[in-house]
PDB file of N, CA and C in Angstrom:
ATOM      1  N   MET A   1     -92.027 190.210  98.471  1.00  0.00           N
ATOM      2  CA  MET A   1     -90.704 189.593  98.470  1.00  0.00           C
ATOM      3  C   MET A   1     -89.681 190.628  98.941  1.00  0.00           C
ATOM      4  N   GLU A   2     -88.861 190.238  99.900  1.00  0.00           N
ATOM      5  CA  GLU A   2     -87.860 191.129 100.468  1.00  0.00           C
ATOM      6  C   GLU A   2     -86.653 191.230  99.535  1.00  0.00           C
ATOM      7  N   THR A   3     -86.177 192.457  99.329  1.00  0.00           N
ATOM      8  CA  THR A   3     -84.995 192.669  98.507  1.00  0.00           C
ATOM      9  C   THR A   3     -83.753 192.393  99.335  1.00  0.00           C
ATOM     10  N   LYS A   4     -82.855 191.612  98.797  1.00  0.00           N
ATOM     11  CA  LYS A   4     -81.602 191.293  99.484  1.00  0.00           C
ATOM     12  C   LYS A   4     -80.561 192.337  99.097  1.00  0.00           C
ATOM     13  N   ASN A   5     -79.778 192.741 100.059  1.00  0.00           N
ATOM     14  CA  ASN A   5     -78.723 193.714  99.814  1.00  0.00           C
ATOM     15  C   ASN A   5     -77.357 193.043  99.859  1.00  0.00           C
ATOM     16  N   TYR A   6     -77.251 191.939  99.175  1.00  0.00           N
ATOM     17  CA  TYR A   6     -76.008 191.175  99.139  1.00  0.00           C
ATOM     18  C   TYR A   6     -74.928 191.975  98.410  1.00  0.00           C
ATOM     19  N   VAL A   7     -73.769 192.093  99.025  1.00  0.00           N
ATOM     20  CA  VAL A   7     -72.628 192.753  98.411  1.00  0.00           C
ATOM     21  C   VAL A   7     -71.481 191.744  98.381  1.00  0.00           C
ATOM     22  N   PRO A   8     -71.136 191.222  97.199  1.00  0.00           N
ATOM     23  CA  PRO A   8     -70.046 190.246  97.118  1.00  0.00           C
ATOM     24  C   PRO A   8     -68.739 190.837  97.659  1.00  0.00           C
ATOM     25  N   GLN A   9     -67.981 190.013  98.363  1.00  0.00           N
ATOM     26  CA  GLN A   9     -66.717 190.460  98.938  1.00  0.00           C
ATOM     27  C   GLN A   9     -65.628 189.416  98.712  1.00  0.00           C
ATOM     28  N   PRO A  10     -65.253 189.210  97.439  1.00  0.00           N
ATOM     29  CA  PRO A  10     -64.178 188.246  97.203  1.00  0.00           C
ATOM     30  C   PRO A  10     -62.873 188.756  97.812  1.00  0.00           C
ATOM     31  N   MET A  11     -62.007 187.830  98.176  1.00  0.00           N
ATOM     32  CA  MET A  11     -60.714 188.218  98.725  1.00  0.00           C
ATOM     33  C   MET A  11     -59.947 188.995  97.655  1.00  0.00           C
ATOM     34  N   ASP A  12     -59.322 190.068  98.058  1.00  0.00           N
ATOM     35  CA  ASP A  12     -58.548 190.896  97.131  1.00  0.00           C
ATOM     36  C   ASP A  12     -57.251 190.173  96.775  1.00  0.00           C
ATOM     37  N   THR A  13     -57.122 189.815  95.514  1.00  0.00           N
ATOM     38  CA  THR A  13     -55.910 189.140  95.044  1.00  0.00           C
ATOM     39  C   THR A  13     -55.165 190.009  94.034  1.00  0.00           C
ATOM     40  N   SER A  14     -55.471 191.304  94.024  1.00  0.00           N
ATOM     41  CA  SER A  14     -54.859 192.198  93.040  1.00  0.00           C
ATOM     42  C   SER A  14     -53.345 192.299  93.219  1.00  0.00           C
ATOM     43  N   ASP A  15     -52.843 191.969  94.395  1.00  0.00           N
ATOM     44  CA  ASP A  15     -51.408 192.019  94.650  1.00  0.00           C
ATOM     45  C   ASP A  15     -50.693 190.728  94.251  1.00  0.00           C
ATOM     46  N   VAL A  16     -51.443 189.745  93.793  1.00  0.00           N
ATOM     47  CA  VAL A  16     -50.844 188.452  93.418  1.00  0.00           C
ATOM     48  C   VAL A  16     -50.602 188.434  91.912  1.00  0.00           C
ATOM     49  N   LYS A  17     -49.371 188.169  91.537  1.00  0.00           N
ATOM     50  CA  LYS A  17     -49.000 188.060  90.119  1.00  0.00           C
ATOM     51  C   LYS A  17     -48.937 186.584  89.767  1.00  0.00           C
ATOM     52  N   LEU A  18     -49.734 186.182  88.797  1.00  0.00           N
ATOM     53  CA  LEU A  18     -49.729 184.792  88.360  1.00  0.00           C
ATOM     54  C   LEU A  18     -48.452 184.536  87.561  1.00  0.00           C
ATOM     55  N   PRO A  19     -47.629 183.576  88.003  1.00  0.00           N
ATOM     56  CA  PRO A  19     -46.402 183.288  87.250  1.00  0.00           C
ATOM     57  C   PRO A  19     -46.710 182.828  85.827  1.00  0.00           C
ATOM     58  N   LYS A  20     -45.834 183.189  84.919  1.00  0.00           N
ATOM     59  CA  LYS A  20     -45.999 182.856  83.492  1.00  0.00           C
ATOM     60  C   LYS A  20     -46.239 181.356  83.292  1.00  0.00           C
ATOM     61  N   GLU A  21     -45.537 180.523  84.087  1.00  0.00           N
ATOM     62  CA  GLU A  21     -45.656 179.074  83.915  1.00  0.00           C
ATOM     63  C   GLU A  21     -47.033 178.538  84.309  1.00  0.00           C
ATOM     64  N   LEU A  22     -47.859 179.352  84.976  1.00  0.00           N
ATOM     65  CA  LEU A  22     -49.208 178.902  85.339  1.00  0.00           C
ATOM     66  C   LEU A  22     -50.278 179.342  84.343  1.00  0.00           C
ATOM     67  N   GLU A  23     -49.887 180.102  83.331  1.00  0.00           N
ATOM     68  CA  GLU A  23     -50.875 180.572  82.353  1.00  0.00           C
ATOM     69  C   GLU A  23     -51.531 179.412  81.596  1.00  0.00           C
ATOM     70  N   GLN A  24     -50.742 178.411  81.222  1.00  0.00           N
ATOM     71  CA  GLN A  24     -51.304 177.250  80.527  1.00  0.00           C
ATOM     72  C   GLN A  24     -52.238 176.471  81.457  1.00  0.00           C
ATOM     73  N   LEU A  25     -51.856 176.358  82.724  1.00  0.00           N
ATOM     74  CA  LEU A  25     -52.721 175.692  83.706  1.00  0.00           C
ATOM     75  C   LEU A  25     -54.038 176.449  83.831  1.00  0.00           C
ATOM     76  N   ALA A  26     -53.970 177.776  83.869  1.00  0.00           N
ATOM     77  CA  ALA A  26     -55.185 178.594  83.974  1.00  0.00           C
ATOM     78  C   ALA A  26     -56.114 178.325  82.782  1.00  0.00           C
ATOM     79  N   GLU A  27     -55.554 178.192  81.595  1.00  0.00           N
ATOM     80  CA  GLU A  27     -56.382 177.926  80.410  1.00  0.00           C
ATOM     81  C   GLU A  27     -56.992 176.522  80.479  1.00  0.00           C
ATOM     82  N   GLN A  28     -56.234 175.548  80.967  1.00  0.00           N
ATOM     83  CA  GLN A  28     -56.776 174.187  81.115  1.00  0.00           C
ATOM     84  C   GLN A  28     -57.907 174.168  82.144  1.00  0.00           C
ATOM     85  N   ILE A  29     -57.740 174.920  83.223  1.00  0.00           N
ATOM     86  CA  ILE A  29     -58.800 175.013  84.223  1.00  0.00           C
ATOM     87  C   ILE A  29     -60.021 175.698  83.625  1.00  0.00           C
ATOM     88  N   SER A  30     -59.799 176.742  82.843  1.00  0.00           N
ATOM     89  CA  SER A  30     -60.906 177.459  82.190  1.00  0.00           C
ATOM     90  C   SER A  30     -61.736 176.518  81.327  1.00  0.00           C
ATOM     91  N   LYS A  31     -61.049 175.702  80.555  1.00  0.00           N
ATOM     92  CA  LYS A  31     -61.757 174.731  79.710  1.00  0.00           C
ATOM     93  C   LYS A  31     -62.550 173.761  80.575  1.00  0.00           C
ATOM     94  N   ASN A  32     -61.949 173.293  81.661  1.00  0.00           N
ATOM     95  CA  ASN A  32     -62.641 172.349  82.534  1.00  0.00           C
ATOM     96  C   ASN A  32     -63.842 172.990  83.224  1.00  0.00           C
ATOM     97  N   VAL A  33     -63.712 174.262  83.619  1.00  0.00           N
ATOM     98  CA  VAL A  33     -64.839 174.987  84.214  1.00  0.00           C
ATOM     99  C   VAL A  33     -66.019 174.959  83.240  1.00  0.00           C
ATOM    100  N   HIS A  34     -65.738 175.221  81.976  1.00  0.00           N
ATOM    101  CA  HIS A  34     -66.805 175.190  80.964  1.00  0.00           C
ATOM    102  C   HIS A  34     -67.375 173.780  80.819  1.00  0.00           C
ATOM    103  N   GLU A  35     -66.509 172.782  80.794  1.00  0.00           N
ATOM    104  CA  GLU A  35     -66.960 171.400  80.638  1.00  0.00           C
ATOM    105  C   GLU A  35     -67.869 170.974  81.795  1.00  0.00           C
ATOM    106  N   VAL A  36     -67.510 171.362  83.011  1.00  0.00           N
ATOM    107  CA  VAL A  36     -68.333 171.024  84.184  1.00  0.00           C
ATOM    108  C   VAL A  36     -69.687 171.734  84.090  1.00  0.00           C
ATOM    109  N   TRP A  37     -69.653 173.016  83.723  1.00  0.00           N
ATOM    110  CA  TRP A  37     -70.900 173.774  83.557  1.00  0.00           C
ATOM    111  C   TRP A  37     -71.790 173.104  82.498  1.00  0.00           C
ATOM    112  N   ALA A  38     -71.201 172.785  81.333  1.00  0.00           N
ATOM    113  CA  ALA A  38     -71.975 172.192  80.240  1.00  0.00           C
ATOM    114  C   ALA A  38     -72.527 170.820  80.633  1.00  0.00           C
ATOM    115  N   GLU A  39     -71.723 170.015  81.300  1.00  0.00           N
ATOM    116  CA  GLU A  39     -72.178 168.691  81.741  1.00  0.00           C
ATOM    117  C   GLU A  39     -73.370 168.827  82.685  1.00  0.00           C
ATOM    118  N   THR A  40     -73.289 169.792  83.596  1.00  0.00           N
ATOM    119  CA  THR A  40     -74.388 170.017  84.534  1.00  0.00           C
ATOM    120  C   THR A  40     -75.648 170.448  83.799  1.00  0.00           C
ATOM    121  N   ARG A  41     -75.515 171.401  82.895  1.00  0.00           N
ATOM    122  CA  ARG A  41     -76.680 171.864  82.119  1.00  0.00           C
ATOM    123  C   ARG A  41     -77.316 170.725  81.333  1.00  0.00           C
ATOM    124  N   ILE A  42     -76.495 169.949  80.650  1.00  0.00           N
ATOM    125  CA  ILE A  42     -77.020 168.844  79.844  1.00  0.00           C
ATOM    126  C   ILE A  42     -77.732 167.831  80.739  1.00  0.00           C
ATOM    127  N   SER A  43     -77.170 167.561  81.921  1.00  0.00           N
ATOM    128  CA  SER A  43     -77.817 166.609  82.836  1.00  0.00           C
ATOM    129  C   SER A  43     -79.154 167.154  83.352  1.00  0.00           C
ATOM    130  N   GLN A  44     -79.329 168.471  83.299  1.00  0.00           N
ATOM    131  CA  GLN A  44     -80.582 169.101  83.712  1.00  0.00           C
ATOM    132  C   GLN A  44     -81.579 169.216  82.559  1.00  0.00           C
ATOM    133  N   GLY A  45     -81.203 168.682  81.390  1.00  0.00           N
ATOM    134  CA  GLY A  45     -82.108 168.681  80.246  1.00  0.00           C
ATOM    135  C   GLY A  45     -81.906 169.816  79.259  1.00  0.00           C
ATOM    136  N   TRP A  46     -80.857 170.605  79.420  1.00  0.00           N
ATOM    137  CA  TRP A  46     -80.588 171.695  78.491  1.00  0.00           C
ATOM    138  C   TRP A  46     -79.951 171.152  77.212  1.00  0.00           C
ATOM    139  N   THR A  47     -80.200 171.854  76.108  1.00  0.00           N
ATOM    140  CA  THR A  47     -79.600 171.512  74.820  1.00  0.00           C
ATOM    141  C   THR A  47     -79.108 172.793  74.161  1.00  0.00           C
ATOM    142  N   TYR A  48     -78.343 172.628  73.098  1.00  0.00           N
ATOM    143  CA  TYR A  48     -77.850 173.779  72.352  1.00  0.00           C
ATOM    144  C   TYR A  48     -79.030 174.479  71.671  1.00  0.00           C
ATOM    145  N   GLY A  49     -78.959 175.788  71.663  1.00  0.00           N
ATOM    146  CA  GLY A  49     -79.902 176.610  70.920  1.00  0.00           C
ATOM    147  C   GLY A  49     -79.236 177.929  70.600  1.00  0.00           C
ATOM    148  N   GLU A  50     -79.593 178.526  69.481  1.00  0.00           N
ATOM    149  CA  GLU A  50     -78.951 179.783  69.082  1.00  0.00           C
ATOM    150  C   GLU A  50     -79.216 180.908  70.068  1.00  0.00           C
ATOM    151  N   GLN A  51     -80.321 180.838  70.785  1.00  0.00           N
ATOM    152  CA  GLN A  51     -80.673 181.825  71.800  1.00  0.00           C
ATOM    153  C   GLN A  51     -80.902 181.111  73.128  1.00  0.00           C
ATOM    154  N   ARG A  52     -80.530 181.767  74.219  1.00  0.00           N
ATOM    155  CA  ARG A  52     -80.839 181.203  75.531  1.00  0.00           C
ATOM    156  C   ARG A  52     -82.342 181.324  75.743  1.00  0.00           C
ATOM    157  N   ASN A  53     -82.938 180.199  76.148  1.00  0.00           N
ATOM    158  CA  ASN A  53     -84.370 180.180  76.443  1.00  0.00           C
ATOM    159  C   ASN A  53     -84.547 179.275  77.657  1.00  0.00           C
ATOM    160  N   ASP A  54     -84.830 179.915  78.799  1.00  0.00           N
ATOM    161  CA  ASP A  54     -84.946 179.152  80.044  1.00  0.00           C
ATOM    162  C   ASP A  54     -86.140 178.208  80.034  1.00  0.00           C
ATOM    163  N   GLU A  55     -87.184 178.584  79.340  1.00  0.00           N
ATOM    164  CA  GLU A  55     -88.375 177.730  79.279  1.00  0.00           C
ATOM    165  C   GLU A  55     -88.113 176.471  78.447  1.00  0.00           C
ATOM    166  N   LEU A  56     -87.450 176.656  77.297  1.00  0.00           N
ATOM    167  CA  LEU A  56     -87.123 175.515  76.428  1.00  0.00           C
ATOM    168  C   LEU A  56     -85.809 174.831  76.822  1.00  0.00           C
ATOM    169  N   LYS A  57     -85.102 175.452  77.753  1.00  0.00           N
ATOM    170  CA  LYS A  57     -83.796 174.960  78.198  1.00  0.00           C
ATOM    171  C   LYS A  57     -82.815 174.828  77.029  1.00  0.00           C
ATOM    172  N   THR A  58     -82.664 175.918  76.303  1.00  0.00           N
ATOM    173  CA  THR A  58     -81.660 175.968  75.239  1.00  0.00           C
ATOM    174  C   THR A  58     -80.643 177.055  75.577  1.00  0.00           C
ATOM    175  N   HIS A  59     -79.399 176.815  75.169  1.00  0.00           N
ATOM    176  CA  HIS A  59     -78.330 177.770  75.487  1.00  0.00           C
ATOM    177  C   HIS A  59     -77.278 177.751  74.376  1.00  0.00           C
ATOM    178  N   PRO A  60     -76.853 178.922  73.907  1.00  0.00           N
ATOM    179  CA  PRO A  60     -75.874 178.969  72.816  1.00  0.00           C
ATOM    180  C   PRO A  60     -74.446 178.585  73.235  1.00  0.00           C
ATOM    181  N   CYS A  61     -74.181 178.489  74.528  1.00  0.00           N
ATOM    182  CA  CYS A  61     -72.829 178.145  74.986  1.00  0.00           C
ATOM    183  C   CYS A  61     -72.636 176.647  75.209  1.00  0.00           C
ATOM    184  N   LEU A  62     -73.626 175.854  74.847  1.00  0.00           N
ATOM    185  CA  LEU A  62     -73.460 174.394  74.953  1.00  0.00           C
ATOM    186  C   LEU A  62     -72.732 173.879  73.717  1.00  0.00           C
ATOM    187  N   VAL A  63     -71.494 174.322  73.617  1.00  0.00           N
ATOM    188  CA  VAL A  63     -70.581 173.944  72.536  1.00  0.00           C
ATOM    189  C   VAL A  63     -69.218 173.695  73.164  1.00  0.00           C
ATOM    190  N   PRO A  64     -68.307 173.041  72.450  1.00  0.00           N
ATOM    191  CA  PRO A  64     -66.957 172.866  73.004  1.00  0.00           C
ATOM    192  C   PRO A  64     -66.321 174.220  73.336  1.00  0.00           C
ATOM    193  N   TYR A  65     -65.475 174.230  74.330  1.00  0.00           N
ATOM    194  CA  TYR A  65     -64.799 175.447  74.785  1.00  0.00           C
ATOM    195  C   TYR A  65     -64.161 176.207  73.629  1.00  0.00           C
ATOM    196  N   GLU A  66     -63.528 175.480  72.733  1.00  0.00           N
ATOM    197  CA  GLU A  66     -62.824 176.104  71.610  1.00  0.00           C
ATOM    198  C   GLU A  66     -63.774 176.884  70.695  1.00  0.00           C
ATOM    199  N   GLU A  67     -65.050 176.547  70.712  1.00  0.00           N
ATOM    200  CA  GLU A  67     -66.030 177.217  69.855  1.00  0.00           C
ATOM    201  C   GLU A  67     -66.751 178.370  70.550  1.00  0.00           C
ATOM    202  N   LEU A  68     -66.450 178.603  71.811  1.00  0.00           N
ATOM    203  CA  LEU A  68     -67.093 179.702  72.533  1.00  0.00           C
ATOM    204  C   LEU A  68     -66.615 181.045  72.009  1.00  0.00           C
ATOM    205  N   PRO A  69     -67.478 182.046  72.053  1.00  0.00           N
ATOM    206  CA  PRO A  69     -67.013 183.405  71.751  1.00  0.00           C
ATOM    207  C   PRO A  69     -65.965 183.818  72.787  1.00  0.00           C
ATOM    208  N   GLU A  70     -65.060 184.688  72.409  1.00  0.00           N
ATOM    209  CA  GLU A  70     -63.963 185.086  73.299  1.00  0.00           C
ATOM    210  C   GLU A  70     -64.464 185.656  74.631  1.00  0.00           C
ATOM    211  N   GLU A  71     -65.563 186.396  74.619  1.00  0.00           N
ATOM    212  CA  GLU A  71     -66.065 186.972  75.878  1.00  0.00           C
ATOM    213  C   GLU A  71     -66.539 185.885  76.849  1.00  0.00           C
ATOM    214  N   GLU A  72     -67.029 184.765  76.331  1.00  0.00           N
ATOM    215  CA  GLU A  72     -67.422 183.645  77.196  1.00  0.00           C
ATOM    216  C   GLU A  72     -66.190 182.939  77.754  1.00  0.00           C
ATOM    217  N   LYS A  73     -65.163 182.782  76.919  1.00  0.00           N
ATOM    218  CA  LYS A  73     -63.918 182.188  77.402  1.00  0.00           C
ATOM    219  C   LYS A  73     -63.314 183.064  78.495  1.00  0.00           C
ATOM    220  N   GLU A  74     -63.410 184.374  78.326  1.00  0.00           N
ATOM    221  CA  GLU A  74     -62.858 185.312  79.303  1.00  0.00           C
ATOM    222  C   GLU A  74     -63.540 185.154  80.663  1.00  0.00           C
ATOM    223  N   TYR A  75     -64.831 184.876  80.664  1.00  0.00           N
ATOM    224  CA  TYR A  75     -65.567 184.634  81.909  1.00  0.00           C
ATOM    225  C   TYR A  75     -64.968 183.430  82.645  1.00  0.00           C
ATOM    226  N   ASP A  76     -64.722 182.337  81.892  1.00  0.00           N
ATOM    227  CA  ASP A  76     -64.128 181.136  82.498  1.00  0.00           C
ATOM    228  C   ASP A  76     -62.690 181.399  82.942  1.00  0.00           C
ATOM    229  N   ARG A  77     -61.945 182.190  82.153  1.00  0.00           N
ATOM    230  CA  ARG A  77     -60.561 182.525  82.533  1.00  0.00           C
ATOM    231  C   ARG A  77     -60.532 183.325  83.835  1.00  0.00           C
ATOM    232  N   ASN A  78     -61.444 184.257  83.984  1.00  0.00           N
ATOM    233  CA  ASN A  78     -61.490 185.049  85.217  1.00  0.00           C
ATOM    234  C   ASN A  78     -61.694 184.139  86.428  1.00  0.00           C
ATOM    235  N   THR A  79     -62.531 183.119  86.260  1.00  0.00           N
ATOM    236  CA  THR A  79     -62.758 182.162  87.346  1.00  0.00           C
ATOM    237  C   THR A  79     -61.484 181.385  87.658  1.00  0.00           C
ATOM    238  N   SER A  80     -60.826 180.867  86.641  1.00  0.00           N
ATOM    239  CA  SER A  80     -59.637 180.040  86.890  1.00  0.00           C
ATOM    240  C   SER A  80     -58.471 180.880  87.404  1.00  0.00           C
ATOM    241  N   ILE A  81     -58.251 182.040  86.831  1.00  0.00           N
ATOM    242  CA  ILE A  81     -57.153 182.886  87.286  1.00  0.00           C
ATOM    243  C   ILE A  81     -57.422 183.370  88.713  1.00  0.00           C
ATOM    244  N   GLY A  82     -58.659 183.742  88.994  1.00  0.00           N
ATOM    245  CA  GLY A  82     -59.015 184.160  90.347  1.00  0.00           C
ATOM    246  C   GLY A  82     -58.802 183.063  91.364  1.00  0.00           C
ATOM    247  N   THR A  83     -59.114 181.833  90.979  1.00  0.00           N
ATOM    248  CA  THR A  83     -58.916 180.691  91.881  1.00  0.00           C
ATOM    249  C   THR A  83     -57.433 180.433  92.119  1.00  0.00           C
ATOM    250  N   LEU A  84     -56.633 180.454  91.065  1.00  0.00           N
ATOM    251  CA  LEU A  84     -55.194 180.241  91.225  1.00  0.00           C
ATOM    252  C   LEU A  84     -54.570 181.336  92.090  1.00  0.00           C
ATOM    253  N   LYS A  85     -54.980 182.580  91.873  1.00  0.00           N
ATOM    254  CA  LYS A  85     -54.456 183.685  92.681  1.00  0.00           C
ATOM    255  C   LYS A  85     -54.866 183.540  94.151  1.00  0.00           C
ATOM    256  N   LEU A  86     -56.083 183.095  94.391  1.00  0.00           N
ATOM    257  CA  LEU A  86     -56.533 182.894  95.764  1.00  0.00           C
ATOM    258  C   LEU A  86     -55.703 181.810  96.451  1.00  0.00           C
ATOM    259  N   ILE A  87     -55.446 180.715  95.747  1.00  0.00           N
ATOM    260  CA  ILE A  87     -54.617 179.637  96.294  1.00  0.00           C
ATOM    261  C   ILE A  87     -53.253 180.196  96.707  1.00  0.00           C
ATOM    262  N   MET A  88     -52.667 181.018  95.848  1.00  0.00           N
ATOM    263  CA  MET A  88     -51.364 181.602  96.146  1.00  0.00           C
ATOM    264  C   MET A  88     -51.458 182.595  97.303  1.00  0.00           C
ATOM    265  N   LYS A  89     -52.507 183.409  97.317  1.00  0.00           N
ATOM    266  CA  LYS A  89     -52.696 184.401  98.382  1.00  0.00           C
ATOM    267  C   LYS A  89     -52.822 183.724  99.745  1.00  0.00           C
ATOM    268  N   LEU A  90     -53.416 182.534  99.753  1.00  0.00           N
ATOM    269  CA  LEU A  90     -53.602 181.795 100.995  1.00  0.00           C
ATOM    270  C   LEU A  90     -52.326 181.071 101.442  1.00  0.00           C
ATOM    271  N   GLY A  91     -51.237 181.232 100.667  1.00  0.00           N
ATOM    272  CA  GLY A  91     -49.943 180.704 101.082  1.00  0.00           C
ATOM    273  C   GLY A  91     -49.549 179.369 100.506  1.00  0.00           C
ATOM    274  N   PHE A  92     -50.294 178.893  99.531  1.00  0.00           N
ATOM    275  CA  PHE A  92     -49.955 177.611  98.919  1.00  0.00           C
ATOM    276  C   PHE A  92     -49.086 177.820  97.691  1.00  0.00           C
ATOM    277  N   ASN A  93     -48.188 176.864  97.448  1.00  0.00           N
ATOM    278  CA  ASN A  93     -47.379 176.865  96.235  1.00  0.00           C
ATOM    279  C   ASN A  93     -47.990 175.899  95.241  1.00  0.00           C
ATOM    280  N   ILE A  94     -47.974 176.268  93.992  1.00  0.00           N
ATOM    281  CA  ILE A  94     -48.471 175.394  92.937  1.00  0.00           C
ATOM    282  C   ILE A  94     -47.260 174.934  92.143  1.00  0.00           C
ATOM    283  N   LEU A  95     -46.961 173.643  92.238  1.00  0.00           N
ATOM    284  CA  LEU A  95     -45.799 173.082  91.563  1.00  0.00           C
ATOM    285  C   LEU A  95     -46.230 171.976  90.616  1.00  0.00           C
ATOM    286  N   SER A  96     -45.573 171.893  89.467  1.00  0.00           N
ATOM    287  CA  SER A  96     -45.798 170.753  88.583  1.00  0.00           C
ATOM    288  C   SER A  96     -45.144 169.533  89.222  1.00  0.00           C
ATOM    289  N   ILE A  97     -45.466 168.372  88.736  1.00  0.00           N
ATOM    290  CA  ILE A  97     -44.860 167.145  89.269  1.00  0.00           C
ATOM    291  C   ILE A  97     -43.347 167.191  89.118  1.00  0.00           C
ATOM    292  N   SER A  98     -42.852 167.686  87.981  1.00  0.00           N
ATOM    293  CA  SER A  98     -41.397 167.750  87.784  1.00  0.00           C
ATOM    294  C   SER A  98     -40.752 168.750  88.744  1.00  0.00           C
ATOM    295  N   GLU A  99     -41.413 169.875  89.006  1.00  0.00           N
ATOM    296  CA  GLU A  99     -40.882 170.843  89.973  1.00  0.00           C
ATOM    297  C   GLU A  99     -40.873 170.259  91.379  1.00  0.00           C
ATOM    298  N   ALA A 100     -41.926 169.566  91.729  1.00  0.00           N
ATOM    299  CA  ALA A 100     -42.011 168.955  93.053  1.00  0.00           C
ATOM    300  C   ALA A 100     -40.925 167.897  93.221  1.00  0.00           C
ATOM    301  N   ALA A 101     -40.689 167.112  92.165  1.00  0.00           N
ATOM    302  CA  ALA A 101     -39.666 166.073  92.235  1.00  0.00           C
ATOM    303  C   ALA A 101     -38.279 166.689  92.389  1.00  0.00           C
ATOM    304  N   SER A 102     -38.007 167.779  91.667  1.00  0.00           N
ATOM    305  CA  SER A 102     -36.690 168.399  91.779  1.00  0.00           C
ATOM    306  C   SER A 102     -36.524 169.057  93.146  1.00  0.00           C
ATOM    307  N   ASP A 103     -37.587 169.602  93.713  1.00  0.00           N
ATOM    308  CA  ASP A 103     -37.526 170.151  95.066  1.00  0.00           C
ATOM    309  C   ASP A 103     -37.226 169.055  96.077  1.00  0.00           C
ATOM    310  N   LYS A 104     -37.839 167.909  95.869  1.00  0.00           N
ATOM    311  CA  LYS A 104     -37.669 166.778  96.782  1.00  0.00           C
ATOM    312  C   LYS A 104     -36.223 166.289  96.758  1.00  0.00           C
ATOM    313  N   THR A 105     -35.658 166.201  95.561  1.00  0.00           N
ATOM    314  CA  THR A 105     -34.292 165.679  95.434  1.00  0.00           C
ATOM    315  C   THR A 105     -33.257 166.735  95.800  1.00  0.00           C
ATOM    316  N   ALA A 106     -33.651 168.015  95.777  1.00  0.00           N
ATOM    317  CA  ALA A 106     -32.716 169.083  96.137  1.00  0.00           C
ATOM    318  C   ALA A 106     -32.584 169.240  97.646  1.00  0.00           C
ATOM    319  N   GLY A 107     -33.406 168.501  98.391  1.00  0.00           N
ATOM    320  CA  GLY A 107     -33.322 168.580  99.838  1.00  0.00           C
ATOM    321  C   GLY A 107     -33.787 169.910 100.393  1.00  0.00           C
ATOM    322  N   SER A 108     -34.870 170.402  99.860  1.00  0.00           N
ATOM    323  CA  SER A 108     -35.356 171.717 100.266  1.00  0.00           C
ATOM    324  C   SER A 108     -35.891 171.750 101.686  1.00  0.00           C
ATOM    325  N   GLY A 109     -36.089 170.577 102.276  1.00  0.00           N
ATOM    326  CA  GLY A 109     -36.617 170.541 103.626  1.00  0.00           C
ATOM    327  C   GLY A 109     -38.127 170.547 103.697  1.00  0.00           C
ATOM    328  N   ARG A 110     -38.800 170.807 102.570  1.00  0.00           N
ATOM    329  CA  ARG A 110     -40.256 170.771 102.574  1.00  0.00           C
ATOM    330  C   ARG A 110     -40.713 169.340 102.379  1.00  0.00           C
ATOM    331  N   LYS A 111     -41.746 168.960 103.103  1.00  0.00           N
ATOM    332  CA  LYS A 111     -42.303 167.621 102.967  1.00  0.00           C
ATOM    333  C   LYS A 111     -43.260 167.613 101.792  1.00  0.00           C
ATOM    334  N   LEU A 112     -43.047 166.717 100.876  1.00  0.00           N
ATOM    335  CA  LEU A 112     -43.930 166.556  99.726  1.00  0.00           C
ATOM    336  C   LEU A 112     -44.482 165.148  99.732  1.00  0.00           C
ATOM    337  N   PRO A 113     -45.657 164.975  99.175  1.00  0.00           N
ATOM    338  CA  PRO A 113     -46.251 163.634  99.154  1.00  0.00           C
ATOM    339  C   PRO A 113     -45.406 162.644  98.384  1.00  0.00           C
TER     340      PRO A 113
END
């Protein structure tokens, strides 16, 4: 079997500061990331188990997000925060519906749906 020399190269978003108002969104995304992961595992026949066992398909993280150990939540947060920062780095603005509506009525000149 040939060894792969894969070197991950995510886009550098270290210069992007996540605005305070997006922190709650990041946490909601983190929870959803876990929910999608858990739904996929369960659909593949995995169940909760105190220890991860690939043969028996048991995993200790098949619990609600709120019951995860903090280090597991941090893994999901890194994914959501990294995604939000990438969106911003690529030049997109993230606006709540109320922010978008006020921009629209303020005549900012930007086209919104």
